[in-house]
Amino acid sequence: MKFEKSGLVVIFFLLLFLIGISIWTIKPVEEVLSEAVDVAERHFKAEPLVQNKQVDNFSLFLPEGFIVEEQTVSNLLLKKEDKSYILFYNALESHTSRLNYEAAKEINDHQWLKSFEDNDRFGFINITKHDENFEVQLGVGGVKVTTFSTKDKLINDVKDMMDITNSIAYEETGA
């Protein structure tokens, strides 16, 4: 009987410890959003990753697990597992173009819109909350990638999306 009571006490404290750890490790939404913006800016400022995929008039870096599911004149539909990413590109816009950023700014339903700039490029991140999910748009110049993400995947999605967006290199067409 003595063993059973001490066993129950140990189990109680283990459960209490696990619940405490779970609560302590859950990040508030604002903290996750702020971290996602920081990740986007850090990856914007980083050197572009080496392109590993060639499509019509440009090459780009696709992180592991990403595939090009469909291509149209100005879009790529990218997939990773069961998630879709839409990459819009406009080769007529320079790397310093603010067109996609200004369009996002005009909609007025963004909660987190931040721009990044250096001498050669202009980029942005736009995050809008939709119930339990987030619509994420990242852009550099005339390139924009959009997806829907969950709180627990947001930071990794932002990293992958900025790595993709940052890596696009257009081919010379000779025109």
C-alpha atoms as a PDB file:
ATOM      1  CA  MET A   1       0.000   0.000   0.000  1.00  0.00           C
ATOM      2  CA  LYS A   2       2.872   2.366   0.794  1.00  0.00           C
ATOM      3  CA  PHE A   3       4.377   1.769  -2.678  1.00  0.00           C
ATOM      4  CA  GLU A   4       1.106   2.587  -4.407  1.00  0.00           C
ATOM      5  CA  LYS A   5       0.810   5.991  -2.676  1.00  0.00           C
ATOM      6  CA  SER A   6       4.391   6.951  -3.475  1.00  0.00           C
ATOM      7  CA  GLY A   7       3.892   5.740  -7.068  1.00  0.00           C
ATOM      8  CA  LEU A   8       0.799   7.933  -7.400  1.00  0.00           C
ATOM      9  CA  VAL A   9       2.714  10.915  -6.007  1.00  0.00           C
ATOM     10  CA  VAL A  10       5.515  10.354  -8.531  1.00  0.00           C
ATOM     11  CA  ILE A  11       3.004  10.063 -11.380  1.00  0.00           C
ATOM     12  CA  PHE A  12       1.220  13.219 -10.184  1.00  0.00           C
ATOM     13  CA  PHE A  13       4.466  15.215 -10.142  1.00  0.00           C
ATOM     14  CA  LEU A  14       5.496  13.859 -13.548  1.00  0.00           C
ATOM     15  CA  LEU A  15       2.151  14.912 -15.024  1.00  0.00           C
ATOM     16  CA  LEU A  16       2.433  18.313 -13.362  1.00  0.00           C
ATOM     17  CA  PHE A  17       5.969  18.674 -14.774  1.00  0.00           C
ATOM     18  CA  LEU A  18       4.833  17.703 -18.302  1.00  0.00           C
ATOM     19  CA  ILE A  19       1.911  20.130 -18.203  1.00  0.00           C
ATOM     20  CA  GLY A  20       4.210  22.882 -16.938  1.00  0.00           C
ATOM     21  CA  ILE A  21       6.753  22.237 -19.709  1.00  0.00           C
ATOM     22  CA  SER A  22       3.973  22.204 -22.335  1.00  0.00           C
ATOM     23  CA  ILE A  23       2.602  25.543 -21.179  1.00  0.00           C
ATOM     24  CA  TRP A  24       6.087  27.057 -20.913  1.00  0.00           C
ATOM     25  CA  THR A  25       7.076  26.039 -24.467  1.00  0.00           C
ATOM     26  CA  ILE A  26       3.917  27.314 -26.210  1.00  0.00           C
ATOM     27  CA  LYS A  27       4.749  30.595 -27.921  1.00  0.00           C
ATOM     28  CA  PRO A  28       2.133  33.332 -28.139  1.00  0.00           C
ATOM     29  CA  VAL A  29       0.994  34.231 -31.669  1.00  0.00           C
ATOM     30  CA  GLU A  30       2.573  37.699 -31.495  1.00  0.00           C
ATOM     31  CA  GLU A  31       5.944  36.164 -30.653  1.00  0.00           C
ATOM     32  CA  VAL A  32       5.722  33.694 -33.557  1.00  0.00           C
ATOM     33  CA  LEU A  33       4.766  36.489 -35.976  1.00  0.00           C
ATOM     34  CA  SER A  34       7.611  38.680 -34.776  1.00  0.00           C
ATOM     35  CA  GLU A  35      10.070  35.806 -35.147  1.00  0.00           C
ATOM     36  CA  ALA A  36       8.755  35.075 -38.655  1.00  0.00           C
ATOM     37  CA  VAL A  37       9.402  38.697 -39.680  1.00  0.00           C
ATOM     38  CA  ASP A  38      12.926  38.489 -38.216  1.00  0.00           C
ATOM     39  CA  VAL A  39      13.600  35.244 -40.121  1.00  0.00           C
ATOM     40  CA  ALA A  40      12.369  36.824 -43.367  1.00  0.00           C
ATOM     41  CA  GLU A  41      14.655  39.816 -42.910  1.00  0.00           C
ATOM     42  CA  ARG A  42      17.662  37.649 -41.984  1.00  0.00           C
ATOM     43  CA  HIS A  43      17.185  35.425 -45.046  1.00  0.00           C
ATOM     44  CA  PHE A  44      16.582  38.476 -47.262  1.00  0.00           C
ATOM     45  CA  LYS A  45      19.961  39.880 -46.186  1.00  0.00           C
ATOM     46  CA  ALA A  46      21.751  36.526 -46.610  1.00  0.00           C
ATOM     47  CA  GLU A  47      23.529  35.528 -49.784  1.00  0.00           C
ATOM     48  CA  PRO A  48      21.124  33.828 -52.216  1.00  0.00           C
ATOM     49  CA  LEU A  49      21.360  30.049 -52.194  1.00  0.00           C
ATOM     50  CA  VAL A  50      22.688  28.248 -55.257  1.00  0.00           C
ATOM     51  CA  GLN A  51      19.935  27.532 -57.777  1.00  0.00           C
ATOM     52  CA  ASN A  52      19.084  23.847 -58.135  1.00  0.00           C
ATOM     53  CA  LYS A  53      16.061  24.041 -60.459  1.00  0.00           C
ATOM     54  CA  GLN A  54      15.726  25.412 -63.978  1.00  0.00           C
ATOM     55  CA  VAL A  55      12.351  26.550 -65.353  1.00  0.00           C
ATOM     56  CA  ASP A  56      11.558  28.433 -68.567  1.00  0.00           C
ATOM     57  CA  ASN A  57      13.444  31.737 -68.288  1.00  0.00           C
ATOM     58  CA  PHE A  58      14.988  31.529 -64.847  1.00  0.00           C
ATOM     59  CA  SER A  59      16.561  29.277 -62.279  1.00  0.00           C
ATOM     60  CA  LEU A  60      15.857  29.118 -58.565  1.00  0.00           C
ATOM     61  CA  PHE A  61      16.675  27.296 -55.364  1.00  0.00           C
ATOM     62  CA  LEU A  62      14.037  24.824 -54.170  1.00  0.00           C
ATOM     63  CA  PRO A  63      14.462  23.529 -50.605  1.00  0.00           C
ATOM     64  CA  GLU A  64      14.319  19.792 -50.015  1.00  0.00           C
ATOM     65  CA  GLY A  65      10.848  18.345 -50.542  1.00  0.00           C
ATOM     66  CA  PHE A  66       9.636  21.102 -52.900  1.00  0.00           C
ATOM     67  CA  ILE A  67       8.519  20.252 -56.428  1.00  0.00           C
ATOM     68  CA  VAL A  68       7.199  22.326 -59.322  1.00  0.00           C
ATOM     69  CA  GLU A  69       3.709  20.978 -59.854  1.00  0.00           C
ATOM     70  CA  GLU A  70       2.595  23.382 -62.571  1.00  0.00           C
ATOM     71  CA  GLN A  71       3.962  26.318 -64.540  1.00  0.00           C
ATOM     72  CA  THR A  72       2.136  29.067 -66.421  1.00  0.00           C
ATOM     73  CA  VAL A  73       3.341  32.251 -68.095  1.00  0.00           C
ATOM     74  CA  SER A  74       3.945  34.107 -64.825  1.00  0.00           C
ATOM     75  CA  ASN A  75       3.349  31.571 -62.040  1.00  0.00           C
ATOM     76  CA  LEU A  76       4.776  28.413 -60.571  1.00  0.00           C
ATOM     77  CA  LEU A  77       2.687  26.175 -58.384  1.00  0.00           C
ATOM     78  CA  LEU A  78       5.081  24.628 -55.875  1.00  0.00           C
ATOM     79  CA  LYS A  79       4.207  21.737 -53.575  1.00  0.00           C
ATOM     80  CA  LYS A  80       5.783  20.360 -50.448  1.00  0.00           C
ATOM     81  CA  GLU A  81       3.922  17.364 -49.089  1.00  0.00           C
ATOM     82  CA  ASP A  82       0.259  18.479 -49.074  1.00  0.00           C
ATOM     83  CA  LYS A  83       0.928  22.239 -48.998  1.00  0.00           C
ATOM     84  CA  SER A  84       0.830  24.526 -52.050  1.00  0.00           C
ATOM     85  CA  TYR A  85       2.900  27.638 -52.642  1.00  0.00           C
ATOM     86  CA  ILE A  86       2.179  30.037 -55.499  1.00  0.00           C
ATOM     87  CA  LEU A  87       5.184  31.823 -56.935  1.00  0.00           C
ATOM     88  CA  PHE A  88       4.338  34.834 -59.100  1.00  0.00           C
ATOM     89  CA  TYR A  89       7.132  36.327 -61.177  1.00  0.00           C
ATOM     90  CA  ASN A  90       7.308  39.337 -63.429  1.00  0.00           C
ATOM     91  CA  ALA A  91      10.604  39.506 -65.316  1.00  0.00           C
ATOM     92  CA  LEU A  92       9.794  43.083 -66.372  1.00  0.00           C
ATOM     93  CA  GLU A  93      10.054  44.252 -62.738  1.00  0.00           C
ATOM     94  CA  SER A  94      13.522  44.833 -61.311  1.00  0.00           C
ATOM     95  CA  HIS A  95      14.861  43.462 -58.013  1.00  0.00           C
ATOM     96  CA  THR A  96      14.110  46.882 -56.482  1.00  0.00           C
ATOM     97  CA  SER A  97      10.464  46.945 -57.592  1.00  0.00           C
ATOM     98  CA  ARG A  98       7.906  47.846 -54.925  1.00  0.00           C
ATOM     99  CA  LEU A  99       4.890  46.847 -57.020  1.00  0.00           C
ATOM    100  CA  ASN A 100       3.889  43.744 -55.003  1.00  0.00           C
ATOM    101  CA  TYR A 101       4.545  45.535 -51.702  1.00  0.00           C
ATOM    102  CA  GLU A 102       2.377  48.508 -52.691  1.00  0.00           C
ATOM    103  CA  ALA A 103      -0.407  46.143 -53.780  1.00  0.00           C
ATOM    104  CA  ALA A 104      -0.279  44.385 -50.395  1.00  0.00           C
ATOM    105  CA  LYS A 105      -0.272  47.747 -48.612  1.00  0.00           C
ATOM    106  CA  GLU A 106      -3.416  48.920 -50.452  1.00  0.00           C
ATOM    107  CA  ILE A 107      -5.516  45.942 -49.346  1.00  0.00           C
ATOM    108  CA  ASN A 108      -5.477  47.183 -45.709  1.00  0.00           C
ATOM    109  CA  ASP A 109      -6.215  43.785 -44.140  1.00  0.00           C
ATOM    110  CA  HIS A 110      -2.614  42.952 -43.279  1.00  0.00           C
ATOM    111  CA  GLN A 111      -1.600  42.605 -39.660  1.00  0.00           C
ATOM    112  CA  TRP A 112       2.137  42.229 -40.255  1.00  0.00           C
ATOM    113  CA  LEU A 113       3.597  44.047 -43.256  1.00  0.00           C
ATOM    114  CA  LYS A 114       7.289  44.876 -43.211  1.00  0.00           C
ATOM    115  CA  SER A 115       9.713  45.816 -45.961  1.00  0.00           C
ATOM    116  CA  PHE A 116      13.458  45.215 -46.296  1.00  0.00           C
ATOM    117  CA  GLU A 117      15.858  47.035 -48.545  1.00  0.00           C
ATOM    118  CA  ASP A 118      19.474  47.034 -49.576  1.00  0.00           C
ATOM    119  CA  ASN A 119      21.303  48.716 -52.463  1.00  0.00           C
ATOM    120  CA  ASP A 120      20.207  46.192 -55.083  1.00  0.00           C
ATOM    121  CA  ARG A 121      16.878  44.782 -53.864  1.00  0.00           C
ATOM    122  CA  PHE A 122      13.582  45.521 -52.176  1.00  0.00           C
ATOM    123  CA  GLY A 123      11.713  42.819 -50.270  1.00  0.00           C
ATOM    124  CA  PHE A 124       8.750  42.442 -47.974  1.00  0.00           C
ATOM    125  CA  ILE A 125       6.734  40.074 -45.826  1.00  0.00           C
ATOM    126  CA  ASN A 126       2.978  40.318 -45.378  1.00  0.00           C
ATOM    127  CA  ILE A 127       1.172  38.082 -42.867  1.00  0.00           C
ATOM    128  CA  THR A 128      -2.586  38.090 -42.409  1.00  0.00           C
ATOM    129  CA  LYS A 129      -4.398  35.927 -39.851  1.00  0.00           C
ATOM    130  CA  HIS A 130      -7.379  33.893 -41.080  1.00  0.00           C
ATOM    131  CA  ASP A 131      -8.985  32.021 -38.167  1.00  0.00           C
ATOM    132  CA  GLU A 132      -6.253  29.590 -37.021  1.00  0.00           C
ATOM    133  CA  ASN A 133      -4.141  29.952 -40.189  1.00  0.00           C
ATOM    134  CA  PHE A 134      -1.978  32.674 -41.663  1.00  0.00           C
ATOM    135  CA  GLU A 135      -1.745  33.871 -45.235  1.00  0.00           C
ATOM    136  CA  VAL A 136       1.915  34.605 -45.908  1.00  0.00           C
ATOM    137  CA  GLN A 137       3.269  36.624 -48.810  1.00  0.00           C
ATOM    138  CA  LEU A 138       6.979  37.216 -49.334  1.00  0.00           C
ATOM    139  CA  GLY A 139       8.459  39.186 -52.155  1.00  0.00           C
ATOM    140  CA  VAL A 140      11.705  40.406 -53.632  1.00  0.00           C
ATOM    141  CA  GLY A 141      11.325  42.805 -56.549  1.00  0.00           C
ATOM    142  CA  GLY A 142       8.962  41.318 -59.132  1.00  0.00           C
ATOM    143  CA  VAL A 143       8.794  37.923 -57.397  1.00  0.00           C
ATOM    144  CA  LYS A 144       6.192  36.992 -54.779  1.00  0.00           C
ATOM    145  CA  VAL A 145       5.485  33.672 -53.039  1.00  0.00           C
ATOM    146  CA  THR A 146       2.192  33.060 -51.207  1.00  0.00           C
ATOM    147  CA  THR A 147       0.926  30.213 -49.011  1.00  0.00           C
ATOM    148  CA  PHE A 148      -1.282  29.476 -46.028  1.00  0.00           C
ATOM    149  CA  SER A 149       0.523  28.338 -42.913  1.00  0.00           C
ATOM    150  CA  THR A 150      -0.188  27.267 -39.359  1.00  0.00           C
ATOM    151  CA  LYS A 151       1.381  28.796 -36.282  1.00  0.00           C
ATOM    152  CA  ASP A 152       3.702  25.834 -35.764  1.00  0.00           C
ATOM    153  CA  LYS A 153       4.947  25.819 -39.400  1.00  0.00           C
ATOM    154  CA  LEU A 154       5.022  29.573 -40.018  1.00  0.00           C
ATOM    155  CA  ILE A 155       8.683  30.228 -39.250  1.00  0.00           C
ATOM    156  CA  ASN A 156       9.946  27.343 -41.375  1.00  0.00           C
ATOM    157  CA  ASP A 157       7.606  28.307 -44.237  1.00  0.00           C
ATOM    158  CA  VAL A 158       8.886  31.894 -44.133  1.00  0.00           C
ATOM    159  CA  LYS A 159      12.498  30.680 -44.224  1.00  0.00           C
ATOM    160  CA  ASP A 160      11.869  28.403 -47.206  1.00  0.00           C
ATOM    161  CA  MET A 161       9.824  31.021 -49.050  1.00  0.00           C
ATOM    162  CA  MET A 162      12.453  33.756 -48.655  1.00  0.00           C
ATOM    163  CA  ASP A 163      15.208  31.343 -49.706  1.00  0.00           C
ATOM    164  CA  ILE A 164      13.221  30.564 -52.874  1.00  0.00           C
ATOM    165  CA  THR A 165      12.316  34.190 -53.600  1.00  0.00           C
ATOM    166  CA  ASN A 166      15.820  35.437 -52.941  1.00  0.00           C
ATOM    167  CA  SER A 167      17.432  32.896 -55.285  1.00  0.00           C
ATOM    168  CA  ILE A 168      15.703  33.612 -58.604  1.00  0.00           C
ATOM    169  CA  ALA A 169      18.104  34.424 -61.422  1.00  0.00           C
ATOM    170  CA  TYR A 170      16.651  35.401 -64.797  1.00  0.00           C
ATOM    171  CA  GLU A 171      18.357  34.277 -67.986  1.00  0.00           C
ATOM    172  CA  GLU A 172      19.335  36.760 -70.645  1.00  0.00           C
ATOM    173  CA  THR A 173      16.866  36.374 -73.515  1.00  0.00           C
ATOM    174  CA  GLY A 174      18.833  38.347 -76.093  1.00  0.00           C
ATOM    175  CA  ALA A 175      15.776  40.454 -76.932  1.00  0.00           C
END
